[in-house]
Amino acid sequence: MNRSPFRPGVILFAAGLLLTSALLVGVQAVAVHALQPSPTVVGTVDLEATFNGLEEWSQVQVSLNQRADTMQVEITRRQEELEGLEADLEDYPQGSDKFKDAMKKYQMSAIELQGYVQFQQLKQQRYNDETIFDLYDKIKLSAKAMADEFGYDIILVNDSVVEIPENSENILAQISSRRVLFARQQMDITDQLIQSMNSEYQKSAAAN
């Protein structure tokens, strides 16, 4: 019986093909793995709790109250002045020149008081808005710093923790405005954010 001659070259060639195939499969697997996106790392923040936990916000509240108290003192002074002018009207006969002069002073003082109150209210509201916006901007910057340090891809305001008022005029609008239906507690970084911002605020206050 004739046997085929032993051909080591063919065997080596076949082995080479198998090795090449294996390498190609490995390369493809690595390439596919590399193309797959890594899981997104998400953190959540309770914004209201963040504001309330910040030492800077507490100081802001003190400043706002002081401004409101100063405004109220001036309003009280002007009201007392107006009451004095009103009392002066009783000293003169109605229709007399002195009564007319006193009435003009009273009316002018009343207009000035009304204008002062409206102006101060607008000024106070503008100050409140600007102060809150500045602090919100600091919260955003601190959240970004935490994301860079700890590898968060996105940090969301967890609005699911805020109750929807039962007496709301438009429940559907309230529901539609929500962005988070559920978030696990493990994702919450509110306390870490507060601690970080309070630490920075203390350093800044000590430097000044």
N, C-alpha and C. Protein backbone atom coordinates (compact mmCIF):
# COMPACT_ATOMS: atom_id res chain seq x y z
N MET A 1 0.85 -1.20 0.00
CA MET A 1 0.00 0.00 0.00
C MET A 1 0.88 1.23 0.00
N ASN A 2 0.58 2.17 -0.93
CA ASN A 2 1.39 3.38 -1.04
C ASN A 2 0.92 4.43 -0.02
N ARG A 3 1.80 4.98 0.70
CA ARG A 3 1.49 6.04 1.66
C ARG A 3 1.96 7.38 1.12
N SER A 4 1.20 8.42 1.47
CA SER A 4 1.59 9.76 1.04
C SER A 4 2.87 10.15 1.76
N PRO A 5 3.78 10.74 1.04
CA PRO A 5 5.03 11.13 1.69
C PRO A 5 4.78 12.20 2.76
N PHE A 6 5.52 12.13 3.83
CA PHE A 6 5.40 13.10 4.94
C PHE A 6 5.89 14.46 4.47
N ARG A 7 4.95 15.49 4.59
CA ARG A 7 5.30 16.83 4.10
C ARG A 7 5.20 17.85 5.24
N PRO A 8 6.30 18.04 5.94
CA PRO A 8 6.27 18.96 7.10
C PRO A 8 5.91 20.38 6.70
N GLY A 9 6.22 20.78 5.45
CA GLY A 9 5.91 22.14 5.03
C GLY A 9 4.42 22.42 5.03
N VAL A 10 3.65 21.41 4.62
CA VAL A 10 2.17 21.58 4.60
C VAL A 10 1.63 21.75 6.00
N ILE A 11 2.17 20.93 6.93
CA ILE A 11 1.70 21.00 8.32
C ILE A 11 2.04 22.36 8.92
N LEU A 12 3.24 22.85 8.65
CA LEU A 12 3.64 24.16 9.18
C LEU A 12 2.78 25.28 8.60
N PHE A 13 2.45 25.12 7.31
CA PHE A 13 1.62 26.12 6.65
C PHE A 13 0.22 26.16 7.28
N ALA A 14 -0.35 24.99 7.54
CA ALA A 14 -1.68 24.88 8.16
C ALA A 14 -1.67 25.47 9.57
N ALA A 15 -0.59 25.14 10.30
CA ALA A 15 -0.47 25.67 11.66
C ALA A 15 -0.39 27.20 11.63
N GLY A 16 0.31 27.69 10.63
CA GLY A 16 0.42 29.14 10.49
C GLY A 16 -0.92 29.78 10.21
N LEU A 17 -1.73 29.12 9.36
CA LEU A 17 -3.07 29.65 9.09
C LEU A 17 -3.92 29.68 10.35
N LEU A 18 -3.83 28.61 11.15
CA LEU A 18 -4.61 28.56 12.39
C LEU A 18 -4.19 29.67 13.34
N LEU A 19 -2.85 29.86 13.44
CA LEU A 19 -2.36 30.91 14.33
C LEU A 19 -2.79 32.29 13.86
N THR A 20 -2.73 32.49 12.54
CA THR A 20 -3.16 33.78 11.98
C THR A 20 -4.63 34.02 12.23
N SER A 21 -5.45 32.97 12.05
CA SER A 21 -6.89 33.08 12.29
C SER A 21 -7.16 33.44 13.75
N ALA A 22 -6.41 32.78 14.63
CA ALA A 22 -6.60 33.05 16.06
C ALA A 22 -6.24 34.49 16.40
N LEU A 23 -5.15 34.96 15.80
CA LEU A 23 -4.74 36.34 16.04
C LEU A 23 -5.78 37.32 15.52
N LEU A 24 -6.33 37.03 14.33
CA LEU A 24 -7.35 37.91 13.76
C LEU A 24 -8.59 37.96 14.63
N VAL A 25 -8.99 36.79 15.15
CA VAL A 25 -10.15 36.74 16.04
C VAL A 25 -9.89 37.56 17.28
N GLY A 26 -8.67 37.46 17.82
CA GLY A 26 -8.32 38.23 19.01
C GLY A 26 -8.32 39.72 18.74
N VAL A 27 -7.76 40.11 17.59
CA VAL A 27 -7.74 41.52 17.23
C VAL A 27 -9.16 42.06 17.06
N GLN A 28 -10.02 41.26 16.41
CA GLN A 28 -11.41 41.69 16.21
C GLN A 28 -12.12 41.85 17.54
N ALA A 29 -11.85 40.91 18.46
CA ALA A 29 -12.49 40.99 19.77
C ALA A 29 -12.07 42.25 20.51
N VAL A 30 -10.78 42.57 20.44
CA VAL A 30 -10.28 43.78 21.09
C VAL A 30 -10.90 45.01 20.46
N ALA A 31 -10.99 45.00 19.11
CA ALA A 31 -11.56 46.15 18.40
C ALA A 31 -13.02 46.34 18.76
N VAL A 32 -13.79 45.26 18.82
CA VAL A 32 -15.20 45.35 19.18
C VAL A 32 -15.36 45.88 20.59
N HIS A 33 -14.49 45.39 21.50
CA HIS A 33 -14.56 45.84 22.89
C HIS A 33 -14.23 47.34 22.99
N ALA A 34 -13.25 47.76 22.18
CA ALA A 34 -12.87 49.16 22.21
C ALA A 34 -13.97 50.06 21.67
N LEU A 35 -14.76 49.56 20.72
CA LEU A 35 -15.83 50.35 20.13
C LEU A 35 -17.03 50.47 21.06
N GLN A 36 -17.16 49.53 22.00
CA GLN A 36 -18.30 49.57 22.91
C GLN A 36 -18.12 50.73 23.89
N PRO A 37 -19.13 51.60 24.04
CA PRO A 37 -19.00 52.73 24.96
C PRO A 37 -18.94 52.26 26.41
N SER A 38 -18.10 52.94 27.20
CA SER A 38 -18.03 52.61 28.62
C SER A 38 -19.27 53.12 29.32
N PRO A 39 -19.67 52.49 30.42
CA PRO A 39 -20.88 52.92 31.14
C PRO A 39 -20.76 54.37 31.60
N THR A 40 -21.84 55.11 31.47
CA THR A 40 -21.86 56.50 31.91
C THR A 40 -21.96 56.56 33.43
N VAL A 41 -21.07 57.33 34.05
CA VAL A 41 -21.07 57.48 35.50
C VAL A 41 -21.91 58.70 35.85
N VAL A 42 -22.98 58.48 36.59
CA VAL A 42 -23.95 59.54 36.87
C VAL A 42 -24.00 59.82 38.37
N GLY A 43 -24.06 61.09 38.71
CA GLY A 43 -24.29 61.51 40.09
C GLY A 43 -25.53 62.38 40.15
N THR A 44 -26.20 62.43 41.29
CA THR A 44 -27.38 63.29 41.43
C THR A 44 -27.20 64.21 42.63
N VAL A 45 -27.88 65.36 42.57
CA VAL A 45 -27.78 66.36 43.62
C VAL A 45 -29.17 66.88 43.97
N ASP A 46 -29.45 66.96 45.25
CA ASP A 46 -30.66 67.62 45.75
C ASP A 46 -30.32 69.10 45.87
N LEU A 47 -30.82 69.92 44.94
CA LEU A 47 -30.40 71.31 44.85
C LEU A 47 -30.85 72.12 46.06
N GLU A 48 -32.07 71.89 46.51
CA GLU A 48 -32.58 72.64 47.67
C GLU A 48 -31.76 72.31 48.92
N ALA A 49 -31.47 71.03 49.11
CA ALA A 49 -30.66 70.62 50.26
C ALA A 49 -29.25 71.19 50.16
N THR A 50 -28.75 71.30 48.94
CA THR A 50 -27.42 71.87 48.74
C THR A 50 -27.39 73.33 49.18
N PHE A 51 -28.36 74.11 48.70
CA PHE A 51 -28.43 75.52 49.11
C PHE A 51 -28.50 75.63 50.63
N ASN A 52 -29.41 74.87 51.23
CA ASN A 52 -29.63 74.97 52.68
C ASN A 52 -28.44 74.50 53.49
N GLY A 53 -27.59 73.66 52.89
CA GLY A 53 -26.44 73.14 53.63
C GLY A 53 -25.18 73.97 53.49
N LEU A 54 -25.23 75.00 52.64
CA LEU A 54 -24.04 75.81 52.39
C LEU A 54 -23.89 76.92 53.43
N GLU A 55 -22.69 77.06 53.98
CA GLU A 55 -22.41 78.13 54.93
C GLU A 55 -22.52 79.50 54.23
N GLU A 56 -22.13 79.55 52.98
CA GLU A 56 -22.22 80.81 52.24
C GLU A 56 -23.68 81.23 52.08
N TRP A 57 -24.58 80.27 51.87
CA TRP A 57 -26.00 80.59 51.75
C TRP A 57 -26.54 81.13 53.06
N SER A 58 -26.08 80.56 54.18
CA SER A 58 -26.51 81.06 55.49
C SER A 58 -26.08 82.50 55.67
N GLN A 59 -24.86 82.83 55.23
CA GLN A 59 -24.37 84.19 55.33
C GLN A 59 -25.15 85.11 54.40
N VAL A 60 -25.50 84.61 53.24
CA VAL A 60 -26.33 85.38 52.32
C VAL A 60 -27.67 85.71 52.96
N GLN A 61 -28.25 84.73 53.64
CA GLN A 61 -29.54 84.96 54.29
C GLN A 61 -29.42 86.06 55.34
N VAL A 62 -28.32 86.06 56.08
CA VAL A 62 -28.11 87.11 57.08
C VAL A 62 -28.04 88.47 56.40
N SER A 63 -27.31 88.54 55.29
CA SER A 63 -27.17 89.80 54.56
C SER A 63 -28.51 90.28 54.02
N LEU A 64 -29.30 89.34 53.48
CA LEU A 64 -30.61 89.71 52.96
C LEU A 64 -31.52 90.24 54.06
N ASN A 65 -31.48 89.59 55.21
CA ASN A 65 -32.31 90.03 56.34
C ASN A 65 -31.88 91.41 56.83
N GLN A 66 -30.57 91.67 56.84
CA GLN A 66 -30.07 92.97 57.27
C GLN A 66 -30.54 94.07 56.32
N ARG A 67 -30.48 93.79 55.01
CA ARG A 67 -30.95 94.76 54.03
C ARG A 67 -32.45 95.02 54.20
N ALA A 68 -33.20 93.94 54.44
CA ALA A 68 -34.65 94.09 54.63
C ALA A 68 -34.95 94.90 55.89
N ASP A 69 -34.18 94.67 56.96
CA ASP A 69 -34.39 95.42 58.21
C ASP A 69 -34.08 96.90 58.01
N THR A 70 -32.98 97.19 57.29
CA THR A 70 -32.61 98.58 57.03
C THR A 70 -33.71 99.28 56.23
N MET A 71 -34.23 98.58 55.25
CA MET A 71 -35.30 99.15 54.43
C MET A 71 -36.55 99.40 55.28
N GLN A 72 -36.87 98.48 56.17
CA GLN A 72 -38.07 98.62 56.98
C GLN A 72 -37.94 99.79 57.95
N VAL A 73 -36.73 100.01 58.47
CA VAL A 73 -36.51 101.15 59.37
C VAL A 73 -36.80 102.45 58.65
N GLU A 74 -36.31 102.58 57.43
CA GLU A 74 -36.54 103.80 56.65
C GLU A 74 -38.01 103.95 56.29
N ILE A 75 -38.68 102.85 55.96
CA ILE A 75 -40.11 102.91 55.65
C ILE A 75 -40.89 103.37 56.87
N THR A 76 -40.55 102.84 58.03
CA THR A 76 -41.22 103.24 59.28
C THR A 76 -41.02 104.73 59.56
N ARG A 77 -39.80 105.21 59.34
CA ARG A 77 -39.51 106.63 59.56
C ARG A 77 -40.37 107.50 58.64
N ARG A 78 -40.45 107.11 57.38
CA ARG A 78 -41.23 107.88 56.42
C ARG A 78 -42.73 107.81 56.73
N GLN A 79 -43.19 106.65 57.21
CA GLN A 79 -44.61 106.53 57.56
C GLN A 79 -44.94 107.43 58.75
N GLU A 80 -44.05 107.49 59.71
CA GLU A 80 -44.28 108.36 60.87
C GLU A 80 -44.28 109.83 60.45
N GLU A 81 -43.39 110.18 59.52
CA GLU A 81 -43.35 111.54 59.00
C GLU A 81 -44.66 111.87 58.27
N LEU A 82 -45.16 110.89 57.52
CA LEU A 82 -46.41 111.10 56.80
C LEU A 82 -47.57 111.26 57.78
N GLU A 83 -47.58 110.51 58.85
CA GLU A 83 -48.63 110.62 59.86
C GLU A 83 -48.60 111.99 60.52
N GLY A 84 -47.35 112.52 60.71
CA GLY A 84 -47.23 113.86 61.28
C GLY A 84 -47.81 114.92 60.35
N LEU A 85 -47.55 114.77 59.06
CA LEU A 85 -48.10 115.72 58.09
C LEU A 85 -49.63 115.61 58.03
N GLU A 86 -50.12 114.40 58.20
CA GLU A 86 -51.58 114.22 58.20
C GLU A 86 -52.19 114.90 59.43
N ALA A 87 -51.50 114.82 60.55
CA ALA A 87 -52.00 115.46 61.77
C ALA A 87 -51.97 116.98 61.64
N ASP A 88 -51.00 117.50 60.88
CA ASP A 88 -50.92 118.95 60.70
C ASP A 88 -52.14 119.51 59.97
N LEU A 89 -52.79 118.68 59.17
CA LEU A 89 -53.96 119.15 58.42
C LEU A 89 -55.07 119.62 59.36
N GLU A 90 -55.13 119.02 60.54
CA GLU A 90 -56.18 119.36 61.48
C GLU A 90 -55.96 120.73 62.12
N ASP A 91 -54.74 121.28 61.95
CA ASP A 91 -54.45 122.58 62.56
C ASP A 91 -54.96 123.76 61.75
N TYR A 92 -55.38 123.47 60.51
CA TYR A 92 -55.78 124.57 59.63
C TYR A 92 -57.20 124.35 59.12
N PRO A 93 -57.93 125.44 58.93
CA PRO A 93 -59.29 125.33 58.37
C PRO A 93 -59.21 124.81 56.94
N GLN A 94 -60.12 123.91 56.61
CA GLN A 94 -60.13 123.39 55.24
C GLN A 94 -60.40 124.53 54.26
N GLY A 95 -59.66 124.51 53.17
CA GLY A 95 -59.83 125.54 52.15
C GLY A 95 -58.88 126.70 52.31
N SER A 96 -58.25 126.83 53.50
CA SER A 96 -57.31 127.92 53.71
C SER A 96 -56.01 127.65 52.97
N ASP A 97 -55.21 128.72 52.80
CA ASP A 97 -53.94 128.55 52.10
C ASP A 97 -53.01 127.62 52.87
N LYS A 98 -52.99 127.76 54.19
CA LYS A 98 -52.12 126.90 54.99
C LYS A 98 -52.56 125.44 54.90
N PHE A 99 -53.87 125.24 54.85
CA PHE A 99 -54.37 123.87 54.70
C PHE A 99 -53.96 123.29 53.35
N LYS A 100 -54.07 124.13 52.31
CA LYS A 100 -53.69 123.67 50.98
C LYS A 100 -52.20 123.34 50.92
N ASP A 101 -51.36 124.17 51.54
CA ASP A 101 -49.92 123.91 51.56
C ASP A 101 -49.61 122.62 52.32
N ALA A 102 -50.30 122.45 53.44
CA ALA A 102 -50.09 121.25 54.25
C ALA A 102 -50.55 120.01 53.49
N MET A 103 -51.64 120.15 52.74
CA MET A 103 -52.16 119.02 51.95
C MET A 103 -51.17 118.64 50.86
N LYS A 104 -50.56 119.64 50.20
CA LYS A 104 -49.57 119.37 49.16
C LYS A 104 -48.37 118.61 49.74
N LYS A 105 -47.91 119.05 50.92
CA LYS A 105 -46.78 118.38 51.55
C LYS A 105 -47.15 116.93 51.90
N TYR A 106 -48.38 116.77 52.39
CA TYR A 106 -48.84 115.42 52.75
C TYR A 106 -48.90 114.53 51.52
N GLN A 107 -49.49 115.02 50.46
CA GLN A 107 -49.62 114.22 49.23
C GLN A 107 -48.25 113.91 48.62
N MET A 108 -47.36 114.91 48.64
CA MET A 108 -46.03 114.69 48.09
C MET A 108 -45.27 113.64 48.91
N SER A 109 -45.41 113.70 50.21
CA SER A 109 -44.74 112.74 51.08
C SER A 109 -45.30 111.33 50.86
N ALA A 110 -46.62 111.25 50.64
CA ALA A 110 -47.24 109.95 50.40
C ALA A 110 -46.74 109.35 49.08
N ILE A 111 -46.61 110.20 48.05
CA ILE A 111 -46.11 109.73 46.76
C ILE A 111 -44.66 109.27 46.88
N GLU A 112 -43.86 110.04 47.62
CA GLU A 112 -42.46 109.69 47.81
C GLU A 112 -42.33 108.37 48.57
N LEU A 113 -43.18 108.18 49.57
CA LEU A 113 -43.15 106.92 50.34
C LEU A 113 -43.49 105.74 49.44
N GLN A 114 -44.54 105.90 48.64
CA GLN A 114 -44.93 104.82 47.73
C GLN A 114 -43.81 104.52 46.73
N GLY A 115 -43.20 105.57 46.18
CA GLY A 115 -42.10 105.38 45.24
C GLY A 115 -40.91 104.72 45.89
N TYR A 116 -40.62 105.12 47.13
CA TYR A 116 -39.48 104.53 47.84
C TYR A 116 -39.70 103.04 48.07
N VAL A 117 -40.90 102.69 48.49
CA VAL A 117 -41.20 101.28 48.76
C VAL A 117 -41.08 100.45 47.48
N GLN A 118 -41.65 100.92 46.40
CA GLN A 118 -41.59 100.18 45.14
C GLN A 118 -40.16 100.04 44.64
N PHE A 119 -39.39 101.13 44.73
CA PHE A 119 -38.01 101.10 44.27
C PHE A 119 -37.18 100.12 45.11
N GLN A 120 -37.34 100.19 46.42
CA GLN A 120 -36.57 99.32 47.30
C GLN A 120 -36.96 97.85 47.13
N GLN A 121 -38.22 97.60 46.87
CA GLN A 121 -38.66 96.23 46.62
C GLN A 121 -38.02 95.67 45.36
N LEU A 122 -38.01 96.47 44.30
CA LEU A 122 -37.37 96.05 43.05
C LEU A 122 -35.87 95.86 43.25
N LYS A 123 -35.25 96.77 43.96
CA LYS A 123 -33.82 96.70 44.23
C LYS A 123 -33.49 95.45 45.05
N GLN A 124 -34.32 95.17 46.04
CA GLN A 124 -34.11 93.99 46.88
C GLN A 124 -34.29 92.71 46.09
N GLN A 125 -35.30 92.69 45.23
CA GLN A 125 -35.55 91.50 44.41
C GLN A 125 -34.40 91.26 43.45
N ARG A 126 -33.88 92.34 42.86
CA ARG A 126 -32.75 92.22 41.94
C ARG A 126 -31.52 91.69 42.68
N TYR A 127 -31.29 92.22 43.87
CA TYR A 127 -30.16 91.76 44.68
C TYR A 127 -30.32 90.29 45.05
N ASN A 128 -31.54 89.91 45.43
CA ASN A 128 -31.81 88.50 45.76
C ASN A 128 -31.52 87.61 44.56
N ASP A 129 -32.04 87.99 43.41
CA ASP A 129 -31.86 87.18 42.20
C ASP A 129 -30.39 87.04 41.83
N GLU A 130 -29.67 88.17 41.87
CA GLU A 130 -28.26 88.14 41.50
C GLU A 130 -27.45 87.29 42.48
N THR A 131 -27.77 87.40 43.76
CA THR A 131 -27.04 86.64 44.78
C THR A 131 -27.29 85.15 44.62
N ILE A 132 -28.55 84.78 44.40
CA ILE A 132 -28.89 83.38 44.22
C ILE A 132 -28.26 82.82 42.95
N PHE A 133 -28.29 83.61 41.88
CA PHE A 133 -27.70 83.16 40.63
C PHE A 133 -26.18 82.95 40.78
N ASP A 134 -25.51 83.88 41.46
CA ASP A 134 -24.06 83.74 41.67
C ASP A 134 -23.74 82.47 42.45
N LEU A 135 -24.54 82.18 43.47
CA LEU A 135 -24.29 80.98 44.27
C LEU A 135 -24.59 79.73 43.45
N TYR A 136 -25.63 79.79 42.64
CA TYR A 136 -25.94 78.66 41.76
C TYR A 136 -24.80 78.40 40.79
N ASP A 137 -24.20 79.48 40.29
CA ASP A 137 -23.06 79.34 39.39
C ASP A 137 -21.90 78.66 40.10
N LYS A 138 -21.69 79.00 41.37
CA LYS A 138 -20.62 78.36 42.15
C LYS A 138 -20.92 76.87 42.35
N ILE A 139 -22.19 76.53 42.53
CA ILE A 139 -22.57 75.13 42.69
C ILE A 139 -22.23 74.36 41.42
N LYS A 140 -22.54 74.96 40.26
CA LYS A 140 -22.24 74.31 38.99
C LYS A 140 -20.73 74.10 38.82
N LEU A 141 -19.93 75.10 39.16
CA LEU A 141 -18.48 74.98 39.04
C LEU A 141 -17.94 73.92 39.98
N SER A 142 -18.48 73.86 41.20
CA SER A 142 -18.04 72.85 42.16
C SER A 142 -18.44 71.45 41.71
N ALA A 143 -19.62 71.34 41.11
CA ALA A 143 -20.07 70.04 40.59
C ALA A 143 -19.15 69.59 39.46
N LYS A 144 -18.73 70.50 38.61
CA LYS A 144 -17.80 70.17 37.53
C LYS A 144 -16.46 69.70 38.10
N ALA A 145 -15.99 70.41 39.14
CA ALA A 145 -14.72 70.02 39.76
C ALA A 145 -14.81 68.61 40.35
N MET A 146 -15.96 68.29 40.96
CA MET A 146 -16.14 66.94 41.50
C MET A 146 -16.19 65.92 40.37
N ALA A 147 -16.85 66.27 39.28
CA ALA A 147 -16.93 65.36 38.14
C ALA A 147 -15.54 65.07 37.59
N ASP A 148 -14.71 66.11 37.49
CA ASP A 148 -13.35 65.92 36.99
C ASP A 148 -12.52 65.07 37.95
N GLU A 149 -12.73 65.27 39.24
CA GLU A 149 -11.92 64.56 40.23
C GLU A 149 -12.32 63.11 40.39
N PHE A 150 -13.63 62.85 40.37
CA PHE A 150 -14.11 61.50 40.66
C PHE A 150 -14.64 60.76 39.44
N GLY A 151 -14.57 61.37 38.27
CA GLY A 151 -14.91 60.65 37.05
C GLY A 151 -16.38 60.58 36.72
N TYR A 152 -17.17 61.54 37.20
CA TYR A 152 -18.58 61.56 36.82
C TYR A 152 -18.72 62.13 35.41
N ASP A 153 -19.55 61.48 34.61
CA ASP A 153 -19.81 61.97 33.26
C ASP A 153 -20.92 63.01 33.24
N ILE A 154 -21.85 62.88 34.17
CA ILE A 154 -22.98 63.81 34.24
C ILE A 154 -23.47 63.86 35.68
N ILE A 155 -23.83 65.07 36.12
CA ILE A 155 -24.40 65.26 37.44
C ILE A 155 -25.75 65.95 37.26
N LEU A 156 -26.81 65.28 37.71
CA LEU A 156 -28.17 65.76 37.49
C LEU A 156 -28.76 66.34 38.77
N VAL A 157 -29.62 67.34 38.60
CA VAL A 157 -30.44 67.80 39.71
C VAL A 157 -31.57 66.81 39.90
N ASN A 158 -31.63 66.20 41.04
CA ASN A 158 -32.64 65.18 41.29
C ASN A 158 -33.94 65.85 41.74
N ASP A 159 -34.79 66.20 40.77
CA ASP A 159 -36.04 66.87 41.11
C ASP A 159 -37.13 65.90 41.57
N SER A 160 -36.82 64.60 41.58
CA SER A 160 -37.81 63.63 42.05
C SER A 160 -38.00 63.71 43.57
N VAL A 161 -37.05 64.34 44.28
CA VAL A 161 -37.16 64.44 45.74
C VAL A 161 -38.09 65.58 46.16
N VAL A 162 -38.47 66.42 45.21
CA VAL A 162 -39.36 67.56 45.51
C VAL A 162 -40.80 67.14 45.30
N GLU A 163 -41.60 67.29 46.34
CA GLU A 163 -43.01 66.90 46.26
C GLU A 163 -43.78 67.85 45.34
N ILE A 164 -44.68 67.30 44.56
CA ILE A 164 -45.58 68.11 43.74
C ILE A 164 -46.76 68.54 44.61
N PRO A 165 -47.01 69.86 44.73
CA PRO A 165 -48.12 70.33 45.57
C PRO A 165 -49.45 69.76 45.11
N GLU A 166 -50.23 69.24 46.05
CA GLU A 166 -51.53 68.67 45.70
C GLU A 166 -52.51 69.74 45.21
N ASN A 167 -52.32 70.97 45.68
CA ASN A 167 -53.22 72.05 45.28
C ASN A 167 -52.69 72.83 44.09
N SER A 168 -51.73 72.25 43.37
CA SER A 168 -51.17 72.93 42.20
C SER A 168 -52.25 73.17 41.16
N GLU A 169 -52.20 74.34 40.52
CA GLU A 169 -53.21 74.69 39.52
C GLU A 169 -53.08 73.83 38.26
N ASN A 170 -51.85 73.40 37.97
CA ASN A 170 -51.63 72.62 36.76
C ASN A 170 -50.73 71.43 37.09
N ILE A 171 -51.34 70.34 37.51
CA ILE A 171 -50.59 69.15 37.90
C ILE A 171 -49.81 68.58 36.72
N LEU A 172 -50.44 68.57 35.54
CA LEU A 172 -49.78 68.02 34.36
C LEU A 172 -48.51 68.79 34.03
N ALA A 173 -48.56 70.11 34.14
CA ALA A 173 -47.37 70.93 33.87
C ALA A 173 -46.28 70.64 34.90
N GLN A 174 -46.68 70.45 36.15
CA GLN A 174 -45.72 70.11 37.20
C GLN A 174 -45.03 68.78 36.90
N ILE A 175 -45.83 67.79 36.50
CA ILE A 175 -45.27 66.48 36.19
C ILE A 175 -44.37 66.54 34.96
N SER A 176 -44.83 67.26 33.94
CA SER A 176 -44.07 67.35 32.69
C SER A 176 -42.74 68.05 32.87
N SER A 177 -42.64 68.92 33.87
CA SER A 177 -41.40 69.67 34.09
C SER A 177 -40.34 68.82 34.79
N ARG A 178 -40.75 67.67 35.35
CA ARG A 178 -39.79 66.82 36.06
C ARG A 178 -38.92 66.08 35.06
N ARG A 179 -37.65 65.87 35.42
CA ARG A 179 -36.70 65.19 34.55
C ARG A 179 -36.23 63.86 35.13
N VAL A 180 -36.36 63.68 36.43
CA VAL A 180 -35.89 62.44 37.07
C VAL A 180 -37.08 61.76 37.74
N LEU A 181 -37.36 60.53 37.31
CA LEU A 181 -38.43 59.76 37.93
C LEU A 181 -37.94 58.98 39.14
N PHE A 182 -36.71 58.47 39.05
CA PHE A 182 -36.16 57.69 40.15
C PHE A 182 -34.63 57.71 40.06
N ALA A 183 -33.99 57.81 41.21
CA ALA A 183 -32.53 57.74 41.28
C ALA A 183 -32.15 57.04 42.57
N ARG A 184 -31.26 56.09 42.49
CA ARG A 184 -30.83 55.36 43.68
C ARG A 184 -30.03 56.27 44.61
N GLN A 185 -30.18 56.03 45.90
CA GLN A 185 -29.51 56.84 46.89
C GLN A 185 -28.00 56.80 46.74
N GLN A 186 -27.49 55.67 46.23
CA GLN A 186 -26.04 55.53 46.07
C GLN A 186 -25.48 56.53 45.06
N MET A 187 -26.33 57.06 44.20
CA MET A 187 -25.88 58.02 43.19
C MET A 187 -25.82 59.44 43.73
N ASP A 188 -26.41 59.67 44.90
CA ASP A 188 -26.52 61.03 45.44
C ASP A 188 -25.16 61.50 45.99
N ILE A 189 -24.73 62.67 45.54
CA ILE A 189 -23.46 63.23 45.99
C ILE A 189 -23.67 64.59 46.64
N THR A 190 -24.89 64.83 47.13
CA THR A 190 -25.21 66.13 47.72
C THR A 190 -24.30 66.45 48.90
N ASP A 191 -24.13 65.51 49.80
CA ASP A 191 -23.32 65.76 51.00
C ASP A 191 -21.87 66.06 50.64
N GLN A 192 -21.34 65.31 49.68
CA GLN A 192 -19.95 65.55 49.26
C GLN A 192 -19.79 66.94 48.65
N LEU A 193 -20.80 67.34 47.86
CA LEU A 193 -20.75 68.66 47.22
C LEU A 193 -20.81 69.76 48.28
N ILE A 194 -21.68 69.60 49.26
CA ILE A 194 -21.80 70.58 50.33
C ILE A 194 -20.49 70.69 51.11
N GLN A 195 -19.91 69.55 51.46
CA GLN A 195 -18.65 69.55 52.22
C GLN A 195 -17.54 70.24 51.43
N SER A 196 -17.48 69.95 50.14
CA SER A 196 -16.45 70.55 49.30
C SER A 196 -16.61 72.07 49.22
N MET A 197 -17.84 72.52 49.02
CA MET A 197 -18.08 73.96 48.89
C MET A 197 -17.88 74.69 50.21
N ASN A 198 -18.30 74.07 51.31
CA ASN A 198 -18.09 74.69 52.62
C ASN A 198 -16.61 74.81 52.95
N SER A 199 -15.86 73.80 52.56
CA SER A 199 -14.41 73.82 52.79
C SER A 199 -13.77 74.97 52.01
N GLU A 200 -14.16 75.13 50.75
CA GLU A 200 -13.63 76.21 49.94
C GLU A 200 -14.04 77.57 50.48
N TYR A 201 -15.28 77.66 50.96
CA TYR A 201 -15.77 78.93 51.52
C TYR A 201 -15.01 79.31 52.79
N GLN A 202 -14.74 78.32 53.63
CA GLN A 202 -13.97 78.58 54.85
C GLN A 202 -12.55 79.05 54.52
N LYS A 203 -11.95 78.44 53.53
CA LYS A 203 -10.60 78.86 53.12
C LYS A 203 -10.63 80.30 52.60
N SER A 204 -11.64 80.61 51.80
CA SER A 204 -11.76 81.96 51.24
C SER A 204 -12.00 82.98 52.34
N ALA A 205 -12.86 82.63 53.31
CA ALA A 205 -13.16 83.55 54.41
C ALA A 205 -11.93 83.77 55.28
N ALA A 206 -11.15 82.72 55.50
CA ALA A 206 -9.94 82.84 56.32
C ALA A 206 -8.89 83.69 55.62
N ALA A 207 -8.84 83.61 54.29
CA ALA A 207 -7.85 84.38 53.52
C ALA A 207 -8.18 85.87 53.55
N ASN A 208 -9.47 86.17 53.68
CA ASN A 208 -9.88 87.57 53.72
C ASN A 208 -9.88 88.13 55.14
